[in-house]
Amino acid sequence: MKKIILSVLVAASSFGMLSLNAQTAPKPKPSPAAEVSAVLANGTALSIKYSQPSLKGRTPGKDIEPMMGKVWRAGANDATVFETSKDIKVNGQPLPAGKYAFFTLQNEKGTTLIFNKTWKQWGAFQYKEADDALRIMVNQTVAQESSEKLEYSISNKGKVALRWGTINIDFTVE
């Protein structure tokens, strides 16, 4: 009889642990973490860490960021992090080695790329222009095909690209 009661208690506690584990298992994030990296010919290591949102039928600039005239974290969740192992030039402008929050700002004239010294921050809610290390105006082009997920790419020749919906933003790192 004691063995039966003990077996029932062990089984019940095991079931309870399984139930507890099922309740605490993390759910997949709607905007999962992503990272791209490359090593340039001069040995500079570049990486971009971001959360990758999906359009889900929404249109950037209308239903979802980036919105005209608003600083955008260029991803989802935490601010996108741009990291370089050496001093570089972005479209010819100097940027010291380090980690930066990467933001964009769309307006009628084009897109401003923002490399902000406060790399660890949630979204763009705490963004301060005074902490910018570099701002560069670039042209934004329209893609022929829409990209459902936000995607970055870095070539080993230093071409960096952001694709989101029909938004194309390219810049060069050397």
N, C-alpha and C. Protein backbone atom coordinates (compact mmCIF):
# COMPACT_ATOMS: atom_id res chain seq x y z
N MET A 1 0.82 -1.19 0.00
CA MET A 1 0.00 0.00 0.00
C MET A 1 0.87 1.26 0.00
N LYS A 2 1.95 1.25 0.81
CA LYS A 2 2.84 2.39 0.87
C LYS A 2 3.50 2.62 -0.49
N LYS A 3 3.84 1.51 -1.20
CA LYS A 3 4.45 1.65 -2.51
C LYS A 3 3.48 2.29 -3.50
N ILE A 4 2.23 1.95 -3.42
CA ILE A 4 1.23 2.52 -4.33
C ILE A 4 1.06 4.00 -4.06
N ILE A 5 0.96 4.37 -2.79
CA ILE A 5 0.80 5.79 -2.43
C ILE A 5 2.04 6.57 -2.85
N LEU A 6 3.22 6.00 -2.60
CA LEU A 6 4.46 6.66 -2.99
C LEU A 6 4.53 6.82 -4.51
N SER A 7 4.14 5.81 -5.26
CA SER A 7 4.13 5.87 -6.73
C SER A 7 3.18 6.96 -7.23
N VAL A 8 2.01 7.05 -6.59
CA VAL A 8 1.02 8.06 -6.98
C VAL A 8 1.57 9.46 -6.69
N LEU A 9 2.22 9.64 -5.54
CA LEU A 9 2.79 10.95 -5.20
C LEU A 9 3.91 11.34 -6.16
N VAL A 10 4.77 10.40 -6.50
CA VAL A 10 5.87 10.67 -7.44
C VAL A 10 5.29 11.04 -8.81
N ALA A 11 4.31 10.29 -9.27
CA ALA A 11 3.70 10.58 -10.57
C ALA A 11 3.02 11.94 -10.56
N ALA A 12 2.33 12.27 -9.48
CA ALA A 12 1.62 13.55 -9.39
C ALA A 12 2.62 14.71 -9.37
N SER A 13 3.70 14.55 -8.63
CA SER A 13 4.68 15.64 -8.58
C SER A 13 5.38 15.79 -9.93
N SER A 14 5.64 14.68 -10.60
CA SER A 14 6.25 14.76 -11.93
C SER A 14 5.33 15.48 -12.91
N PHE A 15 4.05 15.15 -12.85
CA PHE A 15 3.07 15.80 -13.71
C PHE A 15 3.02 17.30 -13.40
N GLY A 16 3.08 17.63 -12.13
CA GLY A 16 3.06 19.04 -11.72
C GLY A 16 4.27 19.78 -12.25
N MET A 17 5.44 19.14 -12.24
CA MET A 17 6.65 19.78 -12.76
C MET A 17 6.55 19.97 -14.28
N LEU A 18 6.00 18.97 -14.98
CA LEU A 18 5.83 19.11 -16.42
C LEU A 18 4.87 20.25 -16.73
N SER A 19 3.81 20.34 -15.96
CA SER A 19 2.83 21.40 -16.17
C SER A 19 3.46 22.77 -15.90
N LEU A 20 4.28 22.87 -14.85
CA LEU A 20 4.96 24.12 -14.52
C LEU A 20 5.94 24.51 -15.63
N ASN A 21 6.70 23.53 -16.15
CA ASN A 21 7.64 23.81 -17.23
C ASN A 21 6.91 24.27 -18.49
N ALA A 22 5.76 23.69 -18.77
CA ALA A 22 5.00 24.08 -19.95
C ALA A 22 4.52 25.52 -19.81
N GLN A 23 4.20 25.94 -18.59
CA GLN A 23 3.71 27.29 -18.39
C GLN A 23 4.83 28.32 -18.48
N THR A 24 6.05 27.96 -18.15
CA THR A 24 7.14 28.92 -18.13
C THR A 24 8.00 28.89 -19.39
N ALA A 25 7.70 27.99 -20.32
CA ALA A 25 8.48 27.94 -21.55
C ALA A 25 8.28 29.25 -22.32
N PRO A 26 9.36 29.84 -22.81
CA PRO A 26 9.23 31.12 -23.51
C PRO A 26 8.47 30.96 -24.83
N LYS A 27 7.64 31.95 -25.12
CA LYS A 27 6.92 31.97 -26.39
C LYS A 27 7.83 32.57 -27.44
N PRO A 28 7.69 32.13 -28.68
CA PRO A 28 8.50 32.75 -29.73
C PRO A 28 8.15 34.23 -29.86
N LYS A 29 9.15 35.07 -30.05
CA LYS A 29 8.93 36.51 -30.17
C LYS A 29 8.39 36.83 -31.56
N PRO A 30 7.46 37.78 -31.63
CA PRO A 30 6.95 38.18 -32.94
C PRO A 30 8.05 38.81 -33.81
N SER A 31 9.02 39.43 -33.17
CA SER A 31 10.16 40.03 -33.87
C SER A 31 11.44 39.41 -33.32
N PRO A 32 11.85 38.25 -33.86
CA PRO A 32 13.00 37.54 -33.29
C PRO A 32 14.32 38.28 -33.49
N ALA A 33 15.28 37.95 -32.63
CA ALA A 33 16.62 38.53 -32.74
C ALA A 33 17.30 38.03 -34.00
N ALA A 34 18.06 38.92 -34.63
CA ALA A 34 18.82 38.57 -35.83
C ALA A 34 20.15 39.30 -35.78
N GLU A 35 21.12 38.79 -36.53
CA GLU A 35 22.44 39.42 -36.58
C GLU A 35 23.07 39.15 -37.93
N VAL A 36 23.74 40.16 -38.47
CA VAL A 36 24.56 40.00 -39.66
C VAL A 36 25.94 40.53 -39.33
N SER A 37 26.95 39.95 -39.96
CA SER A 37 28.32 40.43 -39.70
C SER A 37 29.18 40.14 -40.92
N ALA A 38 30.30 40.84 -40.98
CA ALA A 38 31.27 40.64 -42.05
C ALA A 38 32.61 41.18 -41.58
N VAL A 39 33.66 40.66 -42.19
CA VAL A 39 35.00 41.18 -41.97
C VAL A 39 35.44 41.79 -43.30
N LEU A 40 35.76 43.09 -43.27
CA LEU A 40 36.16 43.79 -44.48
C LEU A 40 37.59 43.41 -44.86
N ALA A 41 37.99 43.76 -46.07
CA ALA A 41 39.33 43.42 -46.57
C ALA A 41 40.43 43.98 -45.68
N ASN A 42 40.18 45.12 -45.01
CA ASN A 42 41.20 45.71 -44.13
C ASN A 42 41.20 45.11 -42.72
N GLY A 43 40.38 44.07 -42.51
CA GLY A 43 40.34 43.38 -41.21
C GLY A 43 39.31 43.93 -40.24
N THR A 44 38.57 44.95 -40.61
CA THR A 44 37.54 45.52 -39.74
C THR A 44 36.35 44.57 -39.64
N ALA A 45 35.97 44.23 -38.42
CA ALA A 45 34.78 43.39 -38.20
C ALA A 45 33.58 44.31 -37.96
N LEU A 46 32.52 44.09 -38.72
CA LEU A 46 31.27 44.83 -38.56
C LEU A 46 30.16 43.87 -38.18
N SER A 47 29.25 44.33 -37.32
CA SER A 47 28.07 43.53 -37.03
C SER A 47 26.88 44.45 -36.78
N ILE A 48 25.70 43.92 -37.10
CA ILE A 48 24.44 44.61 -36.83
C ILE A 48 23.54 43.60 -36.13
N LYS A 49 23.14 43.95 -34.91
CA LYS A 49 22.23 43.11 -34.13
C LYS A 49 20.90 43.85 -34.03
N TYR A 50 19.82 43.16 -34.36
CA TYR A 50 18.52 43.81 -34.41
C TYR A 50 17.43 42.78 -34.16
N SER A 51 16.22 43.26 -33.92
CA SER A 51 15.06 42.40 -33.87
C SER A 51 14.33 42.57 -35.18
N GLN A 52 13.86 41.45 -35.74
CA GLN A 52 13.38 41.40 -37.11
C GLN A 52 11.85 41.35 -37.18
N PRO A 53 11.21 42.53 -37.31
CA PRO A 53 9.75 42.53 -37.43
C PRO A 53 9.30 42.05 -38.82
N SER A 54 8.04 41.66 -38.91
CA SER A 54 7.41 41.28 -40.17
C SER A 54 6.30 42.27 -40.48
N LEU A 55 6.02 42.46 -41.75
CA LEU A 55 4.99 43.42 -42.16
C LEU A 55 3.58 42.96 -41.78
N LYS A 56 3.28 41.68 -41.98
CA LYS A 56 1.95 41.13 -41.67
C LYS A 56 0.83 41.98 -42.26
N GLY A 57 1.00 42.36 -43.54
CA GLY A 57 -0.03 43.13 -44.24
C GLY A 57 0.02 44.63 -44.00
N ARG A 58 0.93 45.08 -43.16
CA ARG A 58 1.03 46.52 -42.86
C ARG A 58 1.98 47.20 -43.85
N THR A 59 1.87 48.51 -43.96
CA THR A 59 2.70 49.29 -44.86
C THR A 59 3.59 50.23 -44.06
N PRO A 60 4.94 50.12 -44.25
CA PRO A 60 5.84 51.05 -43.56
C PRO A 60 5.50 52.50 -43.92
N GLY A 61 5.53 53.34 -42.90
CA GLY A 61 5.22 54.75 -43.10
C GLY A 61 3.74 55.07 -42.97
N LYS A 62 2.90 54.06 -42.98
CA LYS A 62 1.45 54.26 -42.82
C LYS A 62 0.94 53.54 -41.58
N ASP A 63 1.16 52.20 -41.53
CA ASP A 63 0.65 51.38 -40.43
C ASP A 63 1.74 51.01 -39.43
N ILE A 64 2.98 51.14 -39.84
CA ILE A 64 4.11 50.67 -39.03
C ILE A 64 5.33 51.55 -39.34
N GLU A 65 6.25 51.60 -38.39
CA GLU A 65 7.46 52.41 -38.59
C GLU A 65 8.25 51.90 -39.79
N PRO A 66 9.03 52.79 -40.38
CA PRO A 66 9.38 54.15 -39.99
C PRO A 66 8.32 55.16 -40.44
N MET A 67 8.06 56.10 -39.56
CA MET A 67 7.11 57.18 -39.86
C MET A 67 7.89 58.43 -40.24
N MET A 68 7.38 59.16 -41.17
CA MET A 68 8.02 60.39 -41.64
C MET A 68 8.24 61.34 -40.47
N GLY A 69 9.48 61.82 -40.33
CA GLY A 69 9.81 62.80 -39.30
C GLY A 69 10.01 62.25 -37.90
N LYS A 70 9.97 60.91 -37.73
CA LYS A 70 10.18 60.30 -36.41
C LYS A 70 11.42 59.42 -36.43
N VAL A 71 12.23 59.51 -35.38
CA VAL A 71 13.41 58.65 -35.26
C VAL A 71 12.93 57.21 -35.06
N TRP A 72 13.49 56.29 -35.84
CA TRP A 72 13.12 54.87 -35.80
C TRP A 72 14.33 54.04 -35.40
N ARG A 73 14.12 53.05 -34.56
CA ARG A 73 15.18 52.18 -34.06
C ARG A 73 15.73 51.24 -35.13
N ALA A 74 15.20 51.31 -36.34
CA ALA A 74 15.64 50.49 -37.47
C ALA A 74 15.58 49.00 -37.16
N GLY A 75 14.53 48.62 -36.46
CA GLY A 75 14.27 47.24 -36.07
C GLY A 75 13.09 47.24 -35.12
N ALA A 76 13.06 46.27 -34.23
CA ALA A 76 12.01 46.18 -33.21
C ALA A 76 12.67 45.95 -31.85
N ASN A 77 11.87 46.07 -30.80
CA ASN A 77 12.34 45.83 -29.43
C ASN A 77 13.48 46.80 -29.07
N ASP A 78 14.65 46.27 -28.67
CA ASP A 78 15.79 47.14 -28.34
C ASP A 78 16.24 47.89 -29.59
N ALA A 79 16.97 48.97 -29.39
CA ALA A 79 17.55 49.69 -30.53
C ALA A 79 18.49 48.75 -31.28
N THR A 80 18.55 48.91 -32.58
CA THR A 80 19.49 48.15 -33.41
C THR A 80 20.90 48.56 -33.01
N VAL A 81 21.82 47.57 -32.91
CA VAL A 81 23.20 47.84 -32.50
C VAL A 81 24.14 47.62 -33.68
N PHE A 82 24.86 48.67 -34.02
CA PHE A 82 25.88 48.64 -35.07
C PHE A 82 27.23 48.65 -34.36
N GLU A 83 28.09 47.67 -34.67
CA GLU A 83 29.39 47.58 -33.99
C GLU A 83 30.50 47.45 -35.02
N THR A 84 31.59 48.19 -34.77
CA THR A 84 32.77 48.12 -35.62
C THR A 84 34.01 47.93 -34.74
N SER A 85 34.91 47.06 -35.19
CA SER A 85 36.11 46.77 -34.40
C SER A 85 37.21 47.80 -34.60
N LYS A 86 37.12 48.59 -35.67
CA LYS A 86 38.14 49.61 -35.97
C LYS A 86 37.44 50.90 -36.37
N ASP A 87 38.21 52.00 -36.34
CA ASP A 87 37.69 53.26 -36.87
C ASP A 87 37.34 53.05 -38.34
N ILE A 88 36.21 53.62 -38.76
CA ILE A 88 35.76 53.45 -40.13
C ILE A 88 35.30 54.79 -40.70
N LYS A 89 34.96 54.77 -41.97
CA LYS A 89 34.28 55.89 -42.62
C LYS A 89 32.97 55.35 -43.16
N VAL A 90 31.90 56.05 -42.85
CA VAL A 90 30.57 55.70 -43.35
C VAL A 90 30.22 56.75 -44.40
N ASN A 91 30.09 56.30 -45.64
CA ASN A 91 29.89 57.23 -46.76
C ASN A 91 30.89 58.39 -46.69
N GLY A 92 32.14 58.07 -46.33
CA GLY A 92 33.20 59.06 -46.29
C GLY A 92 33.33 59.84 -44.99
N GLN A 93 32.40 59.65 -44.05
CA GLN A 93 32.44 60.38 -42.77
C GLN A 93 33.00 59.49 -41.67
N PRO A 94 33.90 60.01 -40.81
CA PRO A 94 34.55 59.17 -39.79
C PRO A 94 33.62 58.74 -38.66
N LEU A 95 33.79 57.48 -38.25
CA LEU A 95 33.08 56.92 -37.09
C LEU A 95 34.09 56.07 -36.31
N PRO A 96 34.37 56.43 -35.05
CA PRO A 96 35.33 55.65 -34.25
C PRO A 96 34.84 54.22 -33.98
N ALA A 97 35.80 53.34 -33.72
CA ALA A 97 35.47 51.96 -33.35
C ALA A 97 34.55 51.96 -32.14
N GLY A 98 33.63 51.01 -32.07
CA GLY A 98 32.75 50.89 -30.92
C GLY A 98 31.37 50.38 -31.28
N LYS A 99 30.48 50.46 -30.28
CA LYS A 99 29.08 50.05 -30.43
C LYS A 99 28.21 51.29 -30.47
N TYR A 100 27.21 51.24 -31.35
CA TYR A 100 26.30 52.37 -31.50
C TYR A 100 24.87 51.87 -31.66
N ALA A 101 23.93 52.64 -31.14
CA ALA A 101 22.53 52.41 -31.49
C ALA A 101 22.37 52.99 -32.89
N PHE A 102 21.72 52.24 -33.76
CA PHE A 102 21.54 52.67 -35.14
C PHE A 102 20.08 53.04 -35.35
N PHE A 103 19.86 54.29 -35.75
CA PHE A 103 18.51 54.80 -36.00
C PHE A 103 18.44 55.37 -37.40
N THR A 104 17.22 55.55 -37.89
CA THR A 104 17.00 56.28 -39.14
C THR A 104 15.94 57.34 -38.89
N LEU A 105 15.95 58.33 -39.75
CA LEU A 105 14.97 59.41 -39.69
C LEU A 105 14.62 59.77 -41.13
N GLN A 106 13.38 59.45 -41.54
CA GLN A 106 12.94 59.74 -42.90
C GLN A 106 12.33 61.13 -42.98
N ASN A 107 12.64 61.83 -44.08
CA ASN A 107 11.97 63.09 -44.37
C ASN A 107 11.84 63.22 -45.89
N GLU A 108 11.32 64.32 -46.37
CA GLU A 108 11.07 64.50 -47.80
C GLU A 108 12.35 64.47 -48.62
N LYS A 109 13.47 64.85 -48.04
CA LYS A 109 14.73 64.94 -48.78
C LYS A 109 15.50 63.62 -48.83
N GLY A 110 15.20 62.68 -47.94
CA GLY A 110 15.91 61.41 -47.90
C GLY A 110 15.84 60.81 -46.51
N THR A 111 16.85 60.04 -46.19
CA THR A 111 16.91 59.36 -44.90
C THR A 111 18.20 59.74 -44.19
N THR A 112 18.09 60.09 -42.92
CA THR A 112 19.27 60.36 -42.10
C THR A 112 19.60 59.10 -41.33
N LEU A 113 20.84 58.62 -41.48
CA LEU A 113 21.35 57.50 -40.68
C LEU A 113 21.95 58.09 -39.43
N ILE A 114 21.62 57.52 -38.28
CA ILE A 114 22.08 58.04 -37.00
C ILE A 114 22.82 56.94 -36.25
N PHE A 115 24.05 57.23 -35.86
CA PHE A 115 24.86 56.34 -35.04
C PHE A 115 24.97 57.02 -33.67
N ASN A 116 24.28 56.47 -32.68
CA ASN A 116 24.15 57.10 -31.37
C ASN A 116 25.02 56.36 -30.34
N LYS A 117 25.73 57.11 -29.50
CA LYS A 117 26.66 56.54 -28.52
C LYS A 117 25.97 55.68 -27.46
N THR A 118 24.69 55.93 -27.19
CA THR A 118 23.96 55.14 -26.19
C THR A 118 23.38 53.92 -26.89
N TRP A 119 24.20 52.87 -27.01
CA TRP A 119 23.82 51.71 -27.81
C TRP A 119 22.82 50.81 -27.10
N LYS A 120 22.79 50.82 -25.77
CA LYS A 120 21.88 49.95 -25.03
C LYS A 120 20.68 50.77 -24.60
N GLN A 121 19.60 50.66 -25.37
CA GLN A 121 18.37 51.36 -25.04
C GLN A 121 17.19 50.65 -25.70
N TRP A 122 16.01 50.85 -25.13
CA TRP A 122 14.80 50.23 -25.65
C TRP A 122 14.22 51.15 -26.72
N GLY A 123 14.14 50.64 -27.93
CA GLY A 123 13.56 51.41 -29.02
C GLY A 123 14.26 52.74 -29.19
N ALA A 124 13.46 53.76 -29.50
CA ALA A 124 14.00 55.12 -29.64
C ALA A 124 13.38 56.04 -28.60
N PHE A 125 12.81 55.44 -27.57
CA PHE A 125 12.07 56.21 -26.56
C PHE A 125 12.98 57.07 -25.69
N GLN A 126 14.23 56.66 -25.49
CA GLN A 126 15.19 57.42 -24.69
C GLN A 126 16.22 58.12 -25.56
N TYR A 127 16.01 58.11 -26.87
CA TYR A 127 16.96 58.69 -27.82
C TYR A 127 17.21 60.16 -27.52
N LYS A 128 18.51 60.53 -27.55
CA LYS A 128 18.91 61.93 -27.37
C LYS A 128 19.87 62.30 -28.49
N GLU A 129 19.50 63.31 -29.25
CA GLU A 129 20.34 63.77 -30.36
C GLU A 129 21.73 64.18 -29.87
N ALA A 130 21.83 64.67 -28.65
CA ALA A 130 23.13 65.10 -28.10
C ALA A 130 24.13 63.95 -28.02
N ASP A 131 23.63 62.70 -28.00
CA ASP A 131 24.50 61.52 -27.93
C ASP A 131 24.89 60.97 -29.30
N ASP A 132 24.51 61.64 -30.37
CA ASP A 132 24.85 61.15 -31.71
C ASP A 132 26.35 61.27 -31.97
N ALA A 133 26.92 60.19 -32.48
CA ALA A 133 28.33 60.20 -32.88
C ALA A 133 28.45 60.60 -34.35
N LEU A 134 27.41 60.27 -35.14
CA LEU A 134 27.45 60.57 -36.57
C LEU A 134 26.04 60.57 -37.13
N ARG A 135 25.79 61.53 -38.01
CA ARG A 135 24.53 61.61 -38.78
C ARG A 135 24.92 61.78 -40.24
N ILE A 136 24.29 60.99 -41.10
CA ILE A 136 24.58 61.04 -42.53
C ILE A 136 23.26 60.99 -43.30
N MET A 137 23.10 61.87 -44.26
CA MET A 137 21.93 61.85 -45.13
C MET A 137 22.21 60.93 -46.32
N VAL A 138 21.29 60.01 -46.59
CA VAL A 138 21.41 59.10 -47.74
C VAL A 138 20.10 59.11 -48.52
N ASN A 139 20.17 58.61 -49.74
CA ASN A 139 18.96 58.44 -50.53
C ASN A 139 18.31 57.12 -50.16
N GLN A 140 17.01 57.12 -50.18
CA GLN A 140 16.23 55.91 -49.94
C GLN A 140 15.59 55.56 -51.27
N THR A 141 15.71 54.31 -51.70
CA THR A 141 15.12 53.90 -52.96
C THR A 141 13.96 52.95 -52.71
N VAL A 142 13.18 52.72 -53.76
CA VAL A 142 12.02 51.85 -53.68
C VAL A 142 12.37 50.52 -54.34
N ALA A 143 12.18 49.44 -53.61
CA ALA A 143 12.46 48.10 -54.13
C ALA A 143 11.34 47.66 -55.07
N GLN A 144 11.71 46.85 -56.05
CA GLN A 144 10.71 46.31 -56.97
C GLN A 144 9.86 45.26 -56.27
N GLU A 145 10.48 44.50 -55.37
CA GLU A 145 9.76 43.48 -54.60
C GLU A 145 9.80 43.85 -53.13
N SER A 146 8.71 43.56 -52.44
CA SER A 146 8.62 43.88 -51.02
C SER A 146 9.29 42.79 -50.17
N SER A 147 9.96 43.23 -49.11
CA SER A 147 10.58 42.31 -48.16
C SER A 147 9.67 42.18 -46.94
N GLU A 148 9.13 41.01 -46.71
CA GLU A 148 8.19 40.79 -45.60
C GLU A 148 8.83 41.05 -44.24
N LYS A 149 10.08 40.62 -44.11
CA LYS A 149 10.81 40.83 -42.85
C LYS A 149 11.89 41.88 -43.04
N LEU A 150 12.15 42.63 -41.98
CA LEU A 150 13.26 43.57 -42.00
C LEU A 150 14.55 42.78 -42.12
N GLU A 151 15.39 43.17 -43.06
CA GLU A 151 16.64 42.45 -43.29
C GLU A 151 17.79 43.43 -43.48
N TYR A 152 18.92 43.10 -42.88
CA TYR A 152 20.17 43.82 -43.10
C TYR A 152 21.12 42.88 -43.81
N SER A 153 22.04 43.45 -44.56
CA SER A 153 23.14 42.67 -45.13
C SER A 153 24.40 43.54 -45.10
N ILE A 154 25.54 42.87 -44.99
CA ILE A 154 26.85 43.53 -45.02
C ILE A 154 27.73 42.70 -45.95
N SER A 155 28.26 43.33 -46.98
CA SER A 155 29.19 42.60 -47.85
C SER A 155 30.60 42.81 -47.33
N ASN A 156 31.51 41.91 -47.70
CA ASN A 156 32.91 42.06 -47.25
C ASN A 156 33.60 43.23 -47.96
N LYS A 157 32.91 43.86 -48.91
CA LYS A 157 33.43 45.07 -49.57
C LYS A 157 32.91 46.33 -48.88
N GLY A 158 32.08 46.16 -47.82
CA GLY A 158 31.63 47.29 -47.03
C GLY A 158 30.29 47.89 -47.43
N LYS A 159 29.54 47.22 -48.28
CA LYS A 159 28.21 47.72 -48.62
C LYS A 159 27.22 47.20 -47.57
N VAL A 160 26.52 48.13 -46.93
CA VAL A 160 25.52 47.78 -45.92
C VAL A 160 24.15 48.12 -46.51
N ALA A 161 23.20 47.21 -46.35
CA ALA A 161 21.86 47.44 -46.89
C ALA A 161 20.80 47.10 -45.86
N LEU A 162 19.76 47.92 -45.83
CA LEU A 162 18.57 47.69 -45.01
C LEU A 162 17.41 47.53 -45.99
N ARG A 163 16.62 46.46 -45.82
CA ARG A 163 15.45 46.19 -46.65
C ARG A 163 14.25 45.99 -45.74
N TRP A 164 13.16 46.71 -46.04
CA TRP A 164 11.95 46.61 -45.21
C TRP A 164 10.77 47.04 -46.06
N GLY A 165 9.87 46.12 -46.36
CA GLY A 165 8.80 46.44 -47.29
C GLY A 165 9.43 46.78 -48.62
N THR A 166 9.13 47.96 -49.16
CA THR A 166 9.76 48.40 -50.41
C THR A 166 10.86 49.43 -50.14
N ILE A 167 11.25 49.59 -48.89
CA ILE A 167 12.31 50.53 -48.52
C ILE A 167 13.67 49.88 -48.73
N ASN A 168 14.54 50.58 -49.45
CA ASN A 168 15.94 50.19 -49.62
C ASN A 168 16.80 51.34 -49.12
N ILE A 169 17.68 51.06 -48.17
CA ILE A 169 18.63 52.04 -47.70
C ILE A 169 20.01 51.38 -47.77
N ASP A 170 20.92 52.00 -48.52
CA ASP A 170 22.27 51.48 -48.67
C ASP A 170 23.28 52.52 -48.24
N PHE A 171 24.38 52.05 -47.64
CA PHE A 171 25.51 52.92 -47.35
C PHE A 171 26.79 52.11 -47.40
N THR A 172 27.91 52.84 -47.47
CA THR A 172 29.20 52.18 -47.62
C THR A 172 30.08 52.42 -46.41
N VAL A 173 30.77 51.37 -45.99
CA VAL A 173 31.70 51.43 -44.87
C VAL A 173 33.08 51.08 -45.40
N GLU A 174 34.06 51.91 -45.03
CA GLU A 174 35.45 51.61 -45.42
C GLU A 174 36.39 51.90 -44.27
